[in-house]
Amino acid sequence: MRKTEVGKVIHYYDKIGVAIVRLSKSLTVGGKVKFEKGDYSFEQIIESMQLDHKPISEGKSKEEVAIKVDQAAKEGTIVSLV
């Protein structure tokens, strides 16, 4: 299955389970993504996304968005559409 990279995790807040992702392409709520770093990876559907602490339905290229994640996504983790 072909993947399209949409961004990279630049920070992870472990206490609240939120990853800050710098987008290289647009990303919408409801999209299925894969988080990968080395041998570690997981997939999830984007259920919520925020920009400047406000809910958004779509993040655009070069924006830094907050995404609630199901598992840890450390800095440098690649985010791809699946």
PDB file of N, CA and C in Angstrom:
ATOM      1  N   MET A   1       0.833  -1.178   0.000  1.00  0.00           N
ATOM      2  CA  MET A   1       0.000   0.000   0.000  1.00  0.00           C
ATOM      3  C   MET A   1       0.879   1.244   0.000  1.00  0.00           C
ATOM      4  N   ARG A   2       0.571   2.194  -0.858  1.00  0.00           N
ATOM      5  CA  ARG A   2       1.373   3.402  -0.972  1.00  0.00           C
ATOM      6  C   ARG A   2       0.995   4.406   0.119  1.00  0.00           C
ATOM      7  N   LYS A   3       2.012   5.011   0.716  1.00  0.00           N
ATOM      8  CA  LYS A   3       1.793   5.999   1.763  1.00  0.00           C
ATOM      9  C   LYS A   3       2.250   7.363   1.264  1.00  0.00           C
ATOM     10  N   THR A   4       1.581   8.404   1.712  1.00  0.00           N
ATOM     11  CA  THR A   4       1.957   9.770   1.391  1.00  0.00           C
ATOM     12  C   THR A   4       2.315  10.477   2.685  1.00  0.00           C
ATOM     13  N   GLU A   5       3.570  10.896   2.811  1.00  0.00           N
ATOM     14  CA  GLU A   5       3.997  11.595   4.016  1.00  0.00           C
ATOM     15  C   GLU A   5       3.300  12.950   4.100  1.00  0.00           C
ATOM     16  N   VAL A   6       2.730  13.248   5.267  1.00  0.00           N
ATOM     17  CA  VAL A   6       2.025  14.517   5.450  1.00  0.00           C
ATOM     18  C   VAL A   6       2.649  15.386   6.536  1.00  0.00           C
ATOM     19  N   GLY A   7       3.598  14.845   7.293  1.00  0.00           N
ATOM     20  CA  GLY A   7       4.218  15.657   8.324  1.00  0.00           C
ATOM     21  C   GLY A   7       5.133  14.874   9.236  1.00  0.00           C
ATOM     22  N   LYS A   8       5.627  15.599  10.258  1.00  0.00           N
ATOM     23  CA  LYS A   8       6.558  15.012  11.217  1.00  0.00           C
ATOM     24  C   LYS A   8       6.221  15.541  12.605  1.00  0.00           C
ATOM     25  N   VAL A   9       6.291  14.649  13.594  1.00  0.00           N
ATOM     26  CA  VAL A   9       6.049  15.041  14.983  1.00  0.00           C
ATOM     27  C   VAL A   9       7.231  15.880  15.460  1.00  0.00           C
ATOM     28  N   ILE A  10       6.930  17.078  15.981  1.00  0.00           N
ATOM     29  CA  ILE A  10       7.998  17.940  16.499  1.00  0.00           C
ATOM     30  C   ILE A  10       7.975  18.017  18.027  1.00  0.00           C
ATOM     31  N   HIS A  11       6.866  17.572  18.635  1.00  0.00           N
ATOM     32  CA  HIS A  11       6.791  17.515  20.096  1.00  0.00           C
ATOM     33  C   HIS A  11       5.675  16.551  20.495  1.00  0.00           C
ATOM     34  N   TYR A  12       5.847  15.918  21.653  1.00  0.00           N
ATOM     35  CA  TYR A  12       4.821  14.998  22.151  1.00  0.00           C
ATOM     36  C   TYR A  12       4.577  15.281  23.625  1.00  0.00           C
ATOM     37  N   TYR A  13       3.325  15.515  23.982  1.00  0.00           N
ATOM     38  CA  TYR A  13       2.935  15.728  25.370  1.00  0.00           C
ATOM     39  C   TYR A  13       2.409  14.407  25.917  1.00  0.00           C
ATOM     40  N   ASP A  14       3.256  13.703  26.668  1.00  0.00           N
ATOM     41  CA  ASP A  14       2.890  12.357  27.105  1.00  0.00           C
ATOM     42  C   ASP A  14       1.756  12.335  28.125  1.00  0.00           C
ATOM     43  N   LYS A  15       1.652  13.332  28.987  1.00  0.00           N
ATOM     44  CA  LYS A  15       0.597  13.320  30.010  1.00  0.00           C
ATOM     45  C   LYS A  15      -0.795  13.438  29.405  1.00  0.00           C
ATOM     46  N   ILE A  16      -0.923  14.152  28.279  1.00  0.00           N
ATOM     47  CA  ILE A  16      -2.245  14.327  27.655  1.00  0.00           C
ATOM     48  C   ILE A  16      -2.384  13.561  26.341  1.00  0.00           C
ATOM     49  N   GLY A  17      -1.315  12.895  25.901  1.00  0.00           N
ATOM     50  CA  GLY A  17      -1.374  12.077  24.690  1.00  0.00           C
ATOM     51  C   GLY A  17      -1.614  12.873  23.424  1.00  0.00           C
ATOM     52  N   VAL A  18      -0.893  13.999  23.297  1.00  0.00           N
ATOM     53  CA  VAL A  18      -1.055  14.869  22.133  1.00  0.00           C
ATOM     54  C   VAL A  18       0.287  15.039  21.430  1.00  0.00           C
ATOM     55  N   ALA A  19       0.262  14.889  20.104  1.00  0.00           N
ATOM     56  CA  ALA A  19       1.453  15.099  19.282  1.00  0.00           C
ATOM     57  C   ALA A  19       1.292  16.405  18.513  1.00  0.00           C
ATOM     58  N   ILE A  20       2.361  17.202  18.485  1.00  0.00           N
ATOM     59  CA  ILE A  20       2.388  18.404  17.653  1.00  0.00           C
ATOM     60  C   ILE A  20       3.061  17.999  16.351  1.00  0.00           C
ATOM     61  N   VAL A  21       2.345  18.180  15.248  1.00  0.00           N
ATOM     62  CA  VAL A  21       2.822  17.740  13.940  1.00  0.00           C
ATOM     63  C   VAL A  21       2.998  18.945  13.024  1.00  0.00           C
ATOM     64  N   ARG A  22       4.205  19.094  12.471  1.00  0.00           N
ATOM     65  CA  ARG A  22       4.446  20.115  11.444  1.00  0.00           C
ATOM     66  C   ARG A  22       4.072  19.484  10.112  1.00  0.00           C
ATOM     67  N   LEU A  23       3.028  20.009   9.487  1.00  0.00           N
ATOM     68  CA  LEU A  23       2.507  19.423   8.254  1.00  0.00           C
ATOM     69  C   LEU A  23       3.307  19.845   7.027  1.00  0.00           C
ATOM     70  N   SER A  24       3.505  18.898   6.111  1.00  0.00           N
ATOM     71  CA  SER A  24       4.129  19.181   4.815  1.00  0.00           C
ATOM     72  C   SER A  24       3.080  19.122   3.705  1.00  0.00           C
ATOM     73  N   LYS A  25       1.913  18.566   4.030  1.00  0.00           N
ATOM     74  CA  LYS A  25       0.758  18.502   3.125  1.00  0.00           C
ATOM     75  C   LYS A  25      -0.488  18.661   3.988  1.00  0.00           C
ATOM     76  N   SER A  26      -1.632  18.911   3.364  1.00  0.00           N
ATOM     77  CA  SER A  26      -2.861  19.079   4.146  1.00  0.00           C
ATOM     78  C   SER A  26      -3.314  17.748   4.754  1.00  0.00           C
ATOM     79  N   LEU A  27      -4.020  17.857   5.864  1.00  0.00           N
ATOM     80  CA  LEU A  27      -4.525  16.699   6.596  1.00  0.00           C
ATOM     81  C   LEU A  27      -5.892  17.057   7.157  1.00  0.00           C
ATOM     82  N   THR A  28      -6.864  16.154   7.021  1.00  0.00           N
ATOM     83  CA  THR A  28      -8.215  16.425   7.502  1.00  0.00           C
ATOM     84  C   THR A  28      -8.609  15.463   8.618  1.00  0.00           C
ATOM     85  N   VAL A  29      -9.491  15.944   9.479  1.00  0.00           N
ATOM     86  CA  VAL A  29     -10.076  15.092  10.516  1.00  0.00           C
ATOM     87  C   VAL A  29     -10.843  13.985   9.808  1.00  0.00           C
ATOM     88  N   GLY A  30     -10.712  12.764  10.286  1.00  0.00           N
ATOM     89  CA  GLY A  30     -11.348  11.606   9.665  1.00  0.00           C
ATOM     90  C   GLY A  30     -10.396  10.818   8.788  1.00  0.00           C
ATOM     91  N   GLY A  31      -9.232  11.408   8.473  1.00  0.00           N
ATOM     92  CA  GLY A  31      -8.235  10.717   7.659  1.00  0.00           C
ATOM     93  C   GLY A  31      -7.503   9.656   8.469  1.00  0.00           C
ATOM     94  N   LYS A  32      -7.111   8.576   7.814  1.00  0.00           N
ATOM     95  CA  LYS A  32      -6.353   7.510   8.479  1.00  0.00           C
ATOM     96  C   LYS A  32      -4.869   7.750   8.230  1.00  0.00           C
ATOM     97  N   VAL A  33      -4.095   7.763   9.304  1.00  0.00           N
ATOM     98  CA  VAL A  33      -2.663   8.025   9.202  1.00  0.00           C
ATOM     99  C   VAL A  33      -1.862   6.934   9.897  1.00  0.00           C
ATOM    100  N   LYS A  34      -0.590   6.876   9.535  1.00  0.00           N
ATOM    101  CA  LYS A  34       0.354   5.957  10.173  1.00  0.00           C
ATOM    102  C   LYS A  34       1.482   6.789  10.761  1.00  0.00           C
ATOM    103  N   PHE A  35       1.821   6.503  12.013  1.00  0.00           N
ATOM    104  CA  PHE A  35       2.942   7.131  12.698  1.00  0.00           C
ATOM    105  C   PHE A  35       4.074   6.122  12.694  1.00  0.00           C
ATOM    106  N   GLU A  36       5.251   6.500  12.169  1.00  0.00           N
ATOM    107  CA  GLU A  36       6.384   5.571  12.068  1.00  0.00           C
ATOM    108  C   GLU A  36       7.688   6.221  12.513  1.00  0.00           C
ATOM    109  N   LYS A  37       8.433   5.491  13.330  1.00  0.00           N
ATOM    110  CA  LYS A  37       9.797   5.887  13.688  1.00  0.00           C
ATOM    111  C   LYS A  37      10.573   4.614  13.967  1.00  0.00           C
ATOM    112  N   GLY A  38      11.534   4.311  13.103  1.00  0.00           N
ATOM    113  CA  GLY A  38      12.300   3.076  13.242  1.00  0.00           C
ATOM    114  C   GLY A  38      11.399   1.870  13.090  1.00  0.00           C
ATOM    115  N   ASP A  39      11.489   0.935  14.042  1.00  0.00           N
ATOM    116  CA  ASP A  39      10.664  -0.273  14.013  1.00  0.00           C
ATOM    117  C   ASP A  39       9.287  -0.061  14.644  1.00  0.00           C
ATOM    118  N   TYR A  40       9.079   1.102  15.243  1.00  0.00           N
ATOM    119  CA  TYR A  40       7.824   1.384  15.940  1.00  0.00           C
ATOM    120  C   TYR A  40       6.841   2.081  15.004  1.00  0.00           C
ATOM    121  N   SER A  41       5.610   1.591  14.947  1.00  0.00           N
ATOM    122  CA  SER A  41       4.581   2.259  14.143  1.00  0.00           C
ATOM    123  C   SER A  41       3.192   1.903  14.660  1.00  0.00           C
ATOM    124  N   PHE A  42       2.247   2.778  14.374  1.00  0.00           N
ATOM    125  CA  PHE A  42       0.835   2.505  14.656  1.00  0.00           C
ATOM    126  C   PHE A  42      -0.016   3.350  13.723  1.00  0.00           C
ATOM    127  N   GLU A  43      -1.235   2.880  13.493  1.00  0.00           N
ATOM    128  CA  GLU A  43      -2.180   3.589  12.633  1.00  0.00           C
ATOM    129  C   GLU A  43      -3.367   4.048  13.463  1.00  0.00           C
ATOM    130  N   GLN A  44      -3.948   5.163  13.058  1.00  0.00           N
ATOM    131  CA  GLN A  44      -5.173   5.619  13.704  1.00  0.00           C
ATOM    132  C   GLN A  44      -5.905   6.595  12.794  1.00  0.00           C
ATOM    133  N   ILE A  45      -7.179   6.780  13.078  1.00  0.00           N
ATOM    134  CA  ILE A  45      -7.987   7.776  12.373  1.00  0.00           C
ATOM    135  C   ILE A  45      -7.918   9.071  13.178  1.00  0.00           C
ATOM    136  N   ILE A  46      -7.703  10.184  12.486  1.00  0.00           N
ATOM    137  CA  ILE A  46      -7.630  11.482  13.155  1.00  0.00           C
ATOM    138  C   ILE A  46      -9.037  11.866  13.606  1.00  0.00           C
ATOM    139  N   GLU A  47      -9.228  11.904  14.919  1.00  0.00           N
ATOM    140  CA  GLU A  47     -10.543  12.234  15.467  1.00  0.00           C
ATOM    141  C   GLU A  47     -10.656  13.691  15.875  1.00  0.00           C
ATOM    142  N   SER A  48      -9.523  14.316  16.212  1.00  0.00           N
ATOM    143  CA  SER A  48      -9.552  15.735  16.552  1.00  0.00           C
ATOM    144  C   SER A  48      -8.197  16.353  16.242  1.00  0.00           C
ATOM    145  N   MET A  49      -8.265  17.629  15.862  1.00  0.00           N
ATOM    146  CA  MET A  49      -7.055  18.360  15.507  1.00  0.00           C
ATOM    147  C   MET A  49      -7.270  19.816  15.930  1.00  0.00           C
ATOM    148  N   GLN A  50      -6.212  20.440  16.445  1.00  0.00           N
ATOM    149  CA  GLN A  50      -6.317  21.832  16.873  1.00  0.00           C
ATOM    150  C   GLN A  50      -5.162  22.647  16.321  1.00  0.00           C
ATOM    151  N   LEU A  51      -5.440  23.926  16.120  1.00  0.00           N
ATOM    152  CA  LEU A  51      -4.434  24.906  15.723  1.00  0.00           C
ATOM    153  C   LEU A  51      -4.608  26.089  16.662  1.00  0.00           C
ATOM    154  N   ASP A  52      -3.562  26.458  17.376  1.00  0.00           N
ATOM    155  CA  ASP A  52      -3.636  27.543  18.368  1.00  0.00           C
ATOM    156  C   ASP A  52      -4.772  27.320  19.368  1.00  0.00           C
ATOM    157  N   HIS A  53      -4.911  26.098  19.847  1.00  0.00           N
ATOM    158  CA  HIS A  53      -5.899  25.703  20.863  1.00  0.00           C
ATOM    159  C   HIS A  53      -7.345  25.806  20.390  1.00  0.00           C
ATOM    160  N   LYS A  54      -7.560  25.880  19.075  1.00  0.00           N
ATOM    161  CA  LYS A  54      -8.914  25.924  18.521  1.00  0.00           C
ATOM    162  C   LYS A  54      -9.117  24.732  17.596  1.00  0.00           C
ATOM    163  N   PRO A  55     -10.266  24.049  17.711  1.00  0.00           N
ATOM    164  CA  PRO A  55     -10.535  22.896  16.841  1.00  0.00           C
ATOM    165  C   PRO A  55     -10.569  23.301  15.366  1.00  0.00           C
ATOM    166  N   ILE A  56      -9.981  22.460  14.513  1.00  0.00           N
ATOM    167  CA  ILE A  56     -10.023  22.674  13.065  1.00  0.00           C
ATOM    168  C   ILE A  56     -10.391  21.351  12.400  1.00  0.00           C
ATOM    169  N   SER A  57     -10.917  21.438  11.180  1.00  0.00           N
ATOM    170  CA  SER A  57     -11.269  20.217  10.447  1.00  0.00           C
ATOM    171  C   SER A  57     -10.201  19.858   9.427  1.00  0.00           C
ATOM    172  N   GLU A  58      -9.337  20.842   9.092  1.00  0.00           N
ATOM    173  CA  GLU A  58      -8.262  20.585   8.139  1.00  0.00           C
ATOM    174  C   GLU A  58      -7.041  21.405   8.508  1.00  0.00           C
ATOM    175  N   GLY A  59      -5.877  20.748   8.479  1.00  0.00           N
ATOM    176  CA  GLY A  59      -4.615  21.432   8.672  1.00  0.00           C
ATOM    177  C   GLY A  59      -3.936  21.570   7.327  1.00  0.00           C
ATOM    178  N   LYS A  60      -3.272  22.712   7.118  1.00  0.00           N
ATOM    179  CA  LYS A  60      -2.625  22.977   5.835  1.00  0.00           C
ATOM    180  C   LYS A  60      -1.107  22.861   5.951  1.00  0.00           C
ATOM    181  N   SER A  61      -0.463  22.729   4.814  1.00  0.00           N
ATOM    182  CA  SER A  61       0.990  22.625   4.755  1.00  0.00           C
ATOM    183  C   SER A  61       1.639  23.762   5.542  1.00  0.00           C
ATOM    184  N   LYS A  62       2.687  23.441   6.285  1.00  0.00           N
ATOM    185  CA  LYS A  62       3.506  24.338   7.093  1.00  0.00           C
ATOM    186  C   LYS A  62       2.870  24.727   8.422  1.00  0.00           C
ATOM    187  N   GLU A  63       1.629  24.289   8.686  1.00  0.00           N
ATOM    188  CA  GLU A  63       1.018  24.558   9.981  1.00  0.00           C
ATOM    189  C   GLU A  63       1.508  23.528  10.998  1.00  0.00           C
ATOM    190  N   GLU A  64       1.524  23.931  12.269  1.00  0.00           N
ATOM    191  CA  GLU A  64       1.852  23.022  13.361  1.00  0.00           C
ATOM    192  C   GLU A  64       0.562  22.754  14.120  1.00  0.00           C
ATOM    193  N   VAL A  65       0.044  21.532  13.975  1.00  0.00           N
ATOM    194  CA  VAL A  65      -1.252  21.172  14.547  1.00  0.00           C
ATOM    195  C   VAL A  65      -1.081  20.179  15.688  1.00  0.00           C
ATOM    196  N   ALA A  66      -2.034  20.213  16.612  1.00  0.00           N
ATOM    197  CA  ALA A  66      -2.054  19.280  17.738  1.00  0.00           C
ATOM    198  C   ALA A  66      -3.043  18.169  17.416  1.00  0.00           C
ATOM    199  N   ILE A  67      -2.584  16.923  17.543  1.00  0.00           N
ATOM    200  CA  ILE A  67      -3.421  15.763  17.253  1.00  0.00           C
ATOM    201  C   ILE A  67      -3.427  14.848  18.471  1.00  0.00           C
ATOM    202  N   LYS A  68      -4.621  14.482  18.920  1.00  0.00           N
ATOM    203  CA  LYS A  68      -4.757  13.507  20.015  1.00  0.00           C
ATOM    204  C   LYS A  68      -4.398  12.138  19.448  1.00  0.00           C
ATOM    205  N   VAL A  69      -3.430  11.456  20.079  1.00  0.00           N
ATOM    206  CA  VAL A  69      -2.965  10.165  19.566  1.00  0.00           C
ATOM    207  C   VAL A  69      -3.253   9.042  20.560  1.00  0.00           C
ATOM    208  N   ASP A  70      -3.419   7.828  20.001  1.00  0.00           N
ATOM    209  CA  ASP A  70      -3.730   6.645  20.808  1.00  0.00           C
ATOM    210  C   ASP A  70      -2.501   6.075  21.511  1.00  0.00           C
ATOM    211  N   GLN A  71      -1.313   6.304  20.917  1.00  0.00           N
ATOM    212  CA  GLN A  71      -0.062   5.774  21.457  1.00  0.00           C
ATOM    213  C   GLN A  71       0.989   6.876  21.406  1.00  0.00           C
ATOM    214  N   ALA A  72       2.117   6.639  22.076  1.00  0.00           N
ATOM    215  CA  ALA A  72       3.193   7.623  22.093  1.00  0.00           C
ATOM    216  C   ALA A  72       3.730   7.861  20.690  1.00  0.00           C
ATOM    217  N   ALA A  73       3.982   9.133  20.371  1.00  0.00           N
ATOM    218  CA  ALA A  73       4.544   9.513  19.071  1.00  0.00           C
ATOM    219  C   ALA A  73       5.664  10.510  19.342  1.00  0.00           C
ATOM    220  N   LYS A  74       6.863  10.005  19.522  1.00  0.00           N
ATOM    221  CA  LYS A  74       8.000  10.834  19.900  1.00  0.00           C
ATOM    222  C   LYS A  74       8.446  11.762  18.772  1.00  0.00           C
ATOM    223  N   GLU A  75       9.259  12.765  19.139  1.00  0.00           N
ATOM    224  CA  GLU A  75       9.787  13.709  18.155  1.00  0.00           C
ATOM    225  C   GLU A  75      10.493  12.969  17.029  1.00  0.00           C
ATOM    226  N   GLY A  76      10.271  13.431  15.801  1.00  0.00           N
ATOM    227  CA  GLY A  76      10.898  12.813  14.636  1.00  0.00           C
ATOM    228  C   GLY A  76      10.052  11.732  13.991  1.00  0.00           C
ATOM    229  N   THR A  77       8.935  11.360  14.624  1.00  0.00           N
ATOM    230  CA  THR A  77       8.044  10.352  14.051  1.00  0.00           C
ATOM    231  C   THR A  77       7.423  10.893  12.767  1.00  0.00           C
ATOM    232  N   ILE A  78       7.458  10.098  11.701  1.00  0.00           N
ATOM    233  CA  ILE A  78       6.885  10.481  10.408  1.00  0.00           C
ATOM    234  C   ILE A  78       5.397  10.139  10.400  1.00  0.00           C
ATOM    235  N   VAL A  79       4.590  11.072   9.890  1.00  0.00           N
ATOM    236  CA  VAL A  79       3.143  10.874   9.789  1.00  0.00           C
ATOM    237  C   VAL A  79       2.791  10.760   8.311  1.00  0.00           C
ATOM    238  N   SER A  80       2.130   9.659   7.941  1.00  0.00           N
ATOM    239  CA  SER A  80       1.769   9.404   6.543  1.00  0.00           C
ATOM    240  C   SER A  80       0.300   9.034   6.431  1.00  0.00           C
ATOM    241  N   LEU A  81      -0.328   9.420   5.310  1.00  0.00           N
ATOM    242  CA  LEU A  81      -1.687   8.965   5.009  1.00  0.00           C
ATOM    243  C   LEU A  81      -1.625   7.517   4.571  1.00  0.00           C
ATOM    244  N   VAL A  82      -2.614   6.726   4.958  1.00  0.00           N
ATOM    245  CA  VAL A  82      -2.691   5.332   4.488  1.00  0.00           C
ATOM    246  C   VAL A  82      -4.039   5.079   3.845  1.00  0.00           C
TER     247      VAL A  82
END
